[in-house]
Protein backbone atom coordinates (compact mmCIF):
# COMPACT_ATOMS: atom_id res chain seq x y z
CA MET A 1 -8.73 18.34 21.80
CA ALA A 2 -7.29 20.79 24.33
CA GLY A 3 -5.94 18.01 26.54
CA PRO A 4 -2.26 18.38 27.50
CA GLU A 5 -1.48 14.90 26.20
CA ARG A 6 -2.50 15.78 22.63
CA ARG A 7 0.28 16.67 20.20
CA PHE A 8 -0.83 18.80 17.27
CA LEU A 9 1.59 20.00 14.62
CA SER A 10 -1.13 22.26 13.26
CA PHE A 11 -4.76 23.10 13.99
CA ASP A 12 -7.35 25.29 12.29
CA GLY A 13 -11.03 24.99 13.12
CA ARG A 14 -12.31 26.91 10.10
CA ASP A 15 -13.99 25.53 6.99
CA GLY A 16 -14.53 22.02 8.30
CA GLY A 17 -11.18 21.93 10.10
CA ARG A 18 -7.54 21.27 9.29
CA THR A 19 -5.21 19.46 11.65
CA ALA A 20 -2.15 17.23 11.92
CA GLU A 21 -1.81 15.18 15.10
CA VAL A 22 1.16 12.99 16.06
CA PHE A 23 0.93 9.59 17.74
CA GLY A 24 4.19 8.19 19.05
CA ASP A 25 7.53 9.91 19.64
CA LEU A 26 8.38 11.86 16.51
CA SER A 27 11.80 12.86 17.88
CA ARG A 28 12.93 9.22 18.04
CA ALA A 29 11.02 7.72 15.14
CA GLY A 30 12.89 5.48 12.72
CA ARG A 31 9.69 4.85 10.79
CA MET A 32 6.92 7.36 10.08
CA ALA A 33 3.49 6.85 8.56
CA VAL A 34 1.16 9.63 7.45
CA LEU A 35 -2.54 8.81 7.23
CA VAL A 36 -4.39 10.77 4.54
CA PRO A 37 -8.17 10.41 5.02
CA GLY A 38 -10.91 10.24 2.45
CA SER A 39 -14.38 11.66 1.99
CA ASP A 40 -16.63 12.92 4.79
CA THR A 41 -13.73 13.55 7.18
CA GLY A 42 -13.75 16.81 9.14
CA LEU A 43 -13.39 17.87 12.76
CA ASP A 44 -16.95 16.70 13.43
CA ARG A 45 -15.92 13.16 12.40
CA TYR A 46 -12.25 13.38 13.29
CA GLY A 47 -12.64 10.67 15.93
CA ARG A 48 -12.51 7.95 13.27
CA LEU A 49 -9.21 9.19 11.84
CA ARG A 50 -7.71 9.74 15.29
CA ALA A 51 -8.72 6.28 16.52
CA GLY A 52 -7.22 4.66 13.42
CA ALA A 53 -3.94 6.54 13.75
CA ALA A 54 -3.63 5.76 17.46
CA ALA A 55 -4.39 2.07 16.91
CA LEU A 56 -1.90 1.88 14.05
CA GLN A 57 0.85 3.41 16.18
CA ARG A 58 0.15 0.93 18.98
CA GLU A 59 0.39 -1.93 16.51
CA LEU A 60 3.65 -0.62 15.05
CA GLY A 61 5.08 0.20 18.47
CA GLY A 62 8.75 0.86 19.10
CA ARG A 63 10.40 3.73 17.33
CA SER A 64 7.47 4.65 15.12
CA ALA A 65 5.31 7.73 14.71
CA VAL A 66 1.96 8.02 12.96
CA VAL A 67 0.52 11.35 11.84
CA ALA A 68 -3.20 11.83 11.23
CA TRP A 69 -3.17 14.49 8.49
CA LEU A 70 -6.47 16.27 7.92
CA GLY A 71 -4.96 18.95 5.73
CA TYR A 72 -7.64 19.52 3.12
CA ARG A 73 -11.36 20.01 2.63
CA THR A 74 -12.60 16.49 1.99
CA PRO A 75 -15.54 15.95 -0.37
CA GLY A 76 -18.79 14.39 0.73
CA THR A 77 -19.28 10.74 -0.13
CA VAL A 78 -22.46 11.70 -1.97
CA SER A 79 -21.42 14.83 -3.85
CA PRO A 80 -20.26 15.86 -7.34
CA GLN A 81 -16.82 16.71 -5.90
CA VAL A 82 -16.08 13.10 -5.00
CA LEU A 83 -16.23 12.21 -8.71
CA THR A 84 -13.52 14.67 -9.76
CA PRO A 85 -9.88 15.28 -8.76
CA GLY A 86 -10.57 18.96 -8.02
CA ARG A 87 -10.33 18.74 -4.21
CA ALA A 88 -7.24 16.52 -4.55
CA ASP A 89 -5.52 19.01 -6.87
CA ALA A 90 -6.14 21.76 -4.31
CA ALA A 91 -4.83 19.56 -1.47
CA ALA A 92 -1.69 18.23 -3.19
CA PRO A 93 0.57 21.29 -2.56
CA ALA A 94 -0.33 21.28 1.15
CA LEU A 95 0.51 17.57 1.45
CA ARG A 96 3.84 18.08 -0.31
CA ARG A 97 4.75 20.95 2.04
CA PHE A 98 3.73 18.98 5.11
CA VAL A 99 5.71 15.87 4.15
CA ALA A 100 8.77 18.01 3.37
CA GLN A 101 8.58 19.62 6.81
CA LEU A 102 8.05 16.26 8.48
CA ARG A 103 10.98 14.69 6.63
CA ALA A 104 13.19 17.59 7.70
CA THR A 105 12.63 16.67 11.36
CA ARG A 106 13.72 13.03 10.82
CA PRO A 107 15.54 12.80 7.48
CA ALA A 108 16.80 9.26 8.20
CA ALA A 109 13.35 7.88 9.06
CA ARG A 110 11.61 5.65 6.53
CA THR A 111 8.39 7.45 5.60
CA SER A 112 5.22 5.92 4.15
CA LEU A 113 1.91 7.47 3.14
CA LEU A 114 -1.27 5.50 3.85
CA CYS A 115 -4.00 6.97 1.69
CA HIS A 116 -7.60 5.90 2.20
CA SER A 117 -10.55 6.33 -0.13
CA TYR A 118 -10.46 9.81 -1.73
CA GLY A 119 -7.19 10.38 0.13
CA ALA A 120 -5.62 8.09 -2.49
CA VAL A 121 -6.48 10.69 -5.12
CA VAL A 122 -4.76 13.35 -3.00
CA CYS A 123 -1.65 11.19 -2.70
CA GLY A 124 -1.72 10.39 -6.40
CA ARG A 125 -1.84 14.07 -7.36
CA ALA A 126 0.86 14.99 -4.83
CA ALA A 127 3.10 12.02 -5.68
CA PRO A 128 5.53 13.76 -8.10
CA GLY A 129 6.74 16.07 -5.32
CA LEU A 130 6.75 13.66 -2.39
CA ASP A 131 10.02 12.44 -0.89
CA VAL A 132 8.72 9.18 0.58
CA ALA A 133 9.71 5.54 0.29
CA HIS A 134 6.21 4.10 -0.14
CA ILE A 135 2.69 5.22 -1.06
CA VAL A 136 0.01 2.79 0.09
CA LEU A 137 -3.47 3.12 -1.47
CA TYR A 138 -6.29 1.24 0.22
CA GLY A 139 -10.00 1.31 -0.48
CA SER A 140 -9.08 3.61 -3.35
CA PRO A 141 -11.52 4.77 -6.07
CA GLY A 142 -8.48 5.77 -8.16
CA ALA A 143 -5.33 7.82 -7.89
CA GLY A 144 -6.02 10.38 -10.60
CA ALA A 145 -3.67 8.50 -12.92
CA ASP A 146 -3.93 5.74 -15.52
CA ASN A 147 -1.21 3.66 -13.85
CA ALA A 148 1.50 3.75 -11.20
CA THR A 149 4.01 5.10 -13.72
CA GLY A 150 1.62 7.97 -14.41
CA MET A 151 1.91 9.02 -10.77
CA ARG A 152 5.51 10.04 -11.60
CA THR A 153 7.00 9.03 -8.30
CA ARG A 154 10.14 7.17 -7.24
CA ALA A 155 8.21 5.73 -4.29
CA THR A 156 7.00 2.14 -4.39
CA VAL A 157 3.23 2.20 -4.91
CA TRP A 158 1.10 -0.38 -3.10
CA ALA A 159 -2.65 -0.99 -3.42
CA GLY A 160 -5.15 -3.08 -1.47
CA ARG A 161 -8.89 -3.38 -1.06
CA GLY A 162 -11.02 -5.43 1.28
CA ALA A 163 -13.16 -8.16 -0.25
CA GLY A 164 -16.36 -6.44 0.87
CA ASP A 165 -15.35 -2.90 -0.13
CA TRP A 166 -18.26 -1.19 -1.90
CA LEU A 167 -15.82 0.49 -4.30
CA ALA A 168 -14.98 -2.78 -6.04
CA PRO A 169 -17.79 -2.60 -8.66
CA VAL A 170 -17.47 1.17 -9.23
CA PRO A 171 -16.38 1.99 -12.82
CA HIS A 172 -12.80 3.26 -12.99
CA ALA A 173 -12.16 5.73 -15.80
CA ARG A 174 -11.52 9.40 -16.57
CA LEU A 175 -13.48 11.62 -18.92
CA ARG A 176 -11.94 14.99 -19.74
CA LEU A 177 -14.58 17.66 -20.34
CA PRO A 178 -14.00 21.30 -21.34
CA CYS A 179 -14.22 22.61 -17.77
CA THR A 180 -13.39 19.60 -15.63
CA THR A 181 -12.37 15.95 -15.49
CA VAL A 182 -14.90 13.39 -14.30
CA GLY A 183 -13.59 10.12 -12.88
CA LEU A 184 -10.52 9.26 -10.83
CA GLY A 185 -8.53 7.03 -13.14
CA ALA A 186 -7.75 3.33 -13.33
CA ASP A 187 -8.38 0.88 -10.50
CA PRO A 188 -5.18 0.81 -8.37
CA VAL A 189 -5.63 -2.88 -7.47
CA SER A 190 -5.91 -3.99 -11.09
CA PRO A 191 -2.83 -5.71 -12.55
CA GLU A 192 -2.76 -3.14 -15.35
CA PHE A 193 -2.23 -0.30 -12.89
CA GLY A 194 1.13 -1.76 -11.86
CA ALA A 195 1.01 -1.24 -8.09
CA ARG A 196 2.21 -3.92 -5.69
CA ALA A 197 -0.81 -5.67 -4.23
CA PHE A 198 -1.34 -6.43 -0.55
CA PRO A 199 -4.32 -8.05 1.23
CA ALA A 200 -6.25 -5.20 2.90
CA LYS A 201 -9.07 -7.32 4.39
CA ASP A 202 -11.14 -4.82 6.42
CA ALA A 203 -8.31 -2.24 6.66
CA SER A 204 -8.10 -2.65 10.42
CA ALA A 205 -5.23 -1.11 12.37
CA ALA A 206 -3.57 -4.53 12.69
CA GLU A 207 -3.79 -5.14 8.94
CA LEU A 208 -2.45 -1.68 8.13
CA ALA A 209 0.35 -2.12 10.64
CA GLN A 210 1.28 -5.38 8.95
CA ALA A 211 1.20 -3.60 5.59
CA VAL A 212 3.58 -0.92 6.90
CA ARG A 213 5.93 -3.57 8.33
CA VAL A 214 5.89 -5.51 5.08
CA VAL A 215 6.42 -2.37 3.02
CA ALA A 216 9.30 -1.23 5.24
CA ALA A 217 10.93 -4.65 4.90
CA GLY A 218 10.39 -4.80 1.13
CA ASP A 219 8.73 -8.15 1.74
CA ALA A 220 5.43 -8.08 -0.24
CA LEU A 221 4.17 -10.92 1.94
CA LEU A 222 1.28 -13.09 0.84
CA ALA A 223 -1.14 -13.58 3.71
CA PRO A 224 -1.83 -17.25 4.52
CA ASN A 225 -5.49 -16.95 3.50
CA VAL A 226 -4.45 -15.47 0.16
CA THR A 227 -1.97 -18.32 -0.34
CA LYS A 228 -4.71 -20.86 0.42
CA ARG A 229 -7.04 -19.31 -2.15
CA LEU A 230 -4.19 -19.29 -4.66
CA ILE A 231 -3.45 -22.98 -4.08
CA THR A 232 -7.14 -23.86 -4.26
CA GLU A 233 -7.48 -22.08 -7.59
CA PHE A 234 -4.49 -23.84 -9.13
CA SER A 235 -5.59 -27.22 -7.81
CA ARG A 236 -8.47 -26.97 -10.29
CA LEU A 237 -6.06 -26.95 -13.21
CA SER A 238 -5.22 -30.06 -15.18
CA GLY A 239 -1.86 -30.37 -13.47
CA THR A 240 0.14 -30.21 -16.70
CA PRO A 241 2.90 -27.59 -16.37
CA ARG A 242 3.10 -25.00 -19.10
CA ALA A 243 6.28 -25.94 -20.99
CA PRO A 244 7.50 -22.43 -21.94
CA LEU A 245 7.26 -21.33 -18.32
CA LYS A 246 8.82 -24.54 -17.02
CA ASP A 247 11.88 -23.94 -19.17
CA ARG A 248 12.39 -20.57 -17.48
CA VAL A 249 12.87 -22.26 -14.10
CA GLY A 250 16.19 -23.48 -15.46
CA ASP A 251 17.44 -19.88 -15.36
CA LEU A 252 17.44 -20.05 -11.57
CA THR A 253 20.14 -21.47 -9.34
CA GLU A 254 19.34 -24.40 -7.09
CA ARG A 255 18.99 -22.07 -4.12
CA GLY A 256 16.89 -19.65 -6.16
CA THR A 257 14.52 -22.48 -7.06
CA GLU A 258 14.26 -23.43 -3.41
CA VAL A 259 13.48 -19.83 -2.39
CA LEU A 260 10.82 -19.60 -5.11
CA SER A 261 9.07 -22.71 -3.83
CA LEU A 262 9.02 -21.25 -0.31
CA ILE A 263 7.61 -17.97 -1.60
CA ALA A 264 4.79 -19.97 -3.20
CA GLN A 265 4.02 -21.48 0.21
CA GLY A 266 3.44 -17.98 1.58
CA LEU A 267 6.59 -17.68 3.71
CA SER A 268 8.02 -14.24 4.48
CA ASN A 269 11.68 -13.35 4.03
CA ALA A 270 12.33 -13.88 7.73
CA GLU A 271 10.61 -17.29 7.67
CA ILE A 272 12.55 -18.35 4.59
CA ALA A 273 15.79 -17.25 6.26
CA GLY A 274 14.94 -19.38 9.29
CA ARG A 275 14.05 -22.38 7.13
CA LEU A 276 17.28 -22.17 5.10
CA VAL A 277 19.46 -20.99 8.00
CA VAL A 278 20.76 -17.93 6.15
CA ALA A 279 20.66 -14.17 6.76
CA GLU A 280 17.43 -12.38 5.90
CA GLN A 281 19.37 -10.00 3.64
CA THR A 282 20.57 -13.03 1.67
CA VAL A 283 16.96 -14.05 1.12
CA LYS A 284 16.08 -10.54 -0.06
CA THR A 285 18.89 -10.74 -2.59
CA HIS A 286 17.60 -14.11 -3.86
CA VAL A 287 14.05 -12.74 -4.14
CA SER A 288 15.23 -9.72 -6.14
CA ARG A 289 17.20 -11.95 -8.51
CA ILE A 290 14.26 -14.33 -8.95
CA LEU A 291 11.91 -11.49 -9.90
CA LEU A 292 14.50 -10.00 -12.26
CA LYS A 293 15.42 -13.29 -14.01
CA LEU A 294 11.81 -14.38 -14.44
CA GLY A 295 10.49 -10.94 -15.37
CA LEU A 296 7.97 -10.90 -12.52
CA ARG A 297 6.59 -7.85 -10.74
CA ASP A 298 6.16 -9.13 -7.19
CA ARG A 299 5.86 -12.18 -4.93
CA THR A 300 2.25 -12.77 -5.90
CA GLN A 301 3.27 -13.28 -9.52
CA ALA A 302 6.18 -15.43 -8.33
CA ALA A 303 3.80 -17.70 -6.42
CA VAL A 304 1.52 -18.01 -9.47
CA PHE A 305 4.55 -18.80 -11.62
CA ALA A 306 5.64 -21.57 -9.23
CA TYR A 307 2.26 -23.31 -9.47
CA GLU A 308 1.91 -22.79 -13.22
CA THR A 309 5.28 -24.42 -13.86
CA GLY A 310 4.59 -27.35 -11.56
CA LEU A 311 7.48 -26.39 -9.27
CA VAL A 312 5.03 -26.53 -6.36
CA ARG A 313 2.03 -28.85 -6.23
CA PRO A 314 -1.17 -28.30 -4.24
CA ALA A 315 -1.50 -30.66 -1.30
CA GLY A 316 -4.64 -31.30 0.70
CA TYR A 317 -6.96 -29.28 -1.51
């Protein structure tokens, strides 16, 4: 860690260790991502966090900076502390201060928090005082809140979990006792929570980099494998469009209907722009209007809507 190439914003070896290390050129960054780790992360296991941050910065490339923030005493995976928000409550003020200092260095940079495992609880508790554009929760046992609104943040909240994540079957609830609260709140990937979903797969650096790119672009892209599963599922239906929903398609313009059908095929904003030969910003405007007119939360719901109404038909499944 004493190598001249390392760039630490802070370092303290006591009590398991606290550190913040920068990957990329912070002085030129137009996009910043802060990684907040979860349980069992200390200086003795810091290599995992460092490797992930370095790989993420390489994937993002260009004018980007990634900060590995080990700014709190993480709980053990097998410990009573991991079942309560106590460590997160203690960590939240430090995360708020750090993000404020970081934002002051590059106020124009678009900043995202990537919060893994118990780190999602830290981000959830710190959210009301965080000046960031996006909070991304992945592999999260909860965010210490009942829903995204309960996080009391102006940031867009995203949530993802790999298909094989062991947290999937864990009960998500909170029980308030006289001296403490047990449980970490609702499941962030559940529709009821209200976060924007993204496919996390195995949370590799490439997948996280794609999530950051998508988040920064406001794209909410459906991965091709997710689109395929979606089409397969709807191909099992009877094929009769639901009349009330079909009537709502009439609220869209001809171009809006065309954009909706391309969303359902899993195309990104850039790909739709290329297909229709229009500016990407024009596509973003169409997407926003589609979601508003149809009362949909994100592109995933838009794709489901397109298949439910019969606007798009499965082919080859």
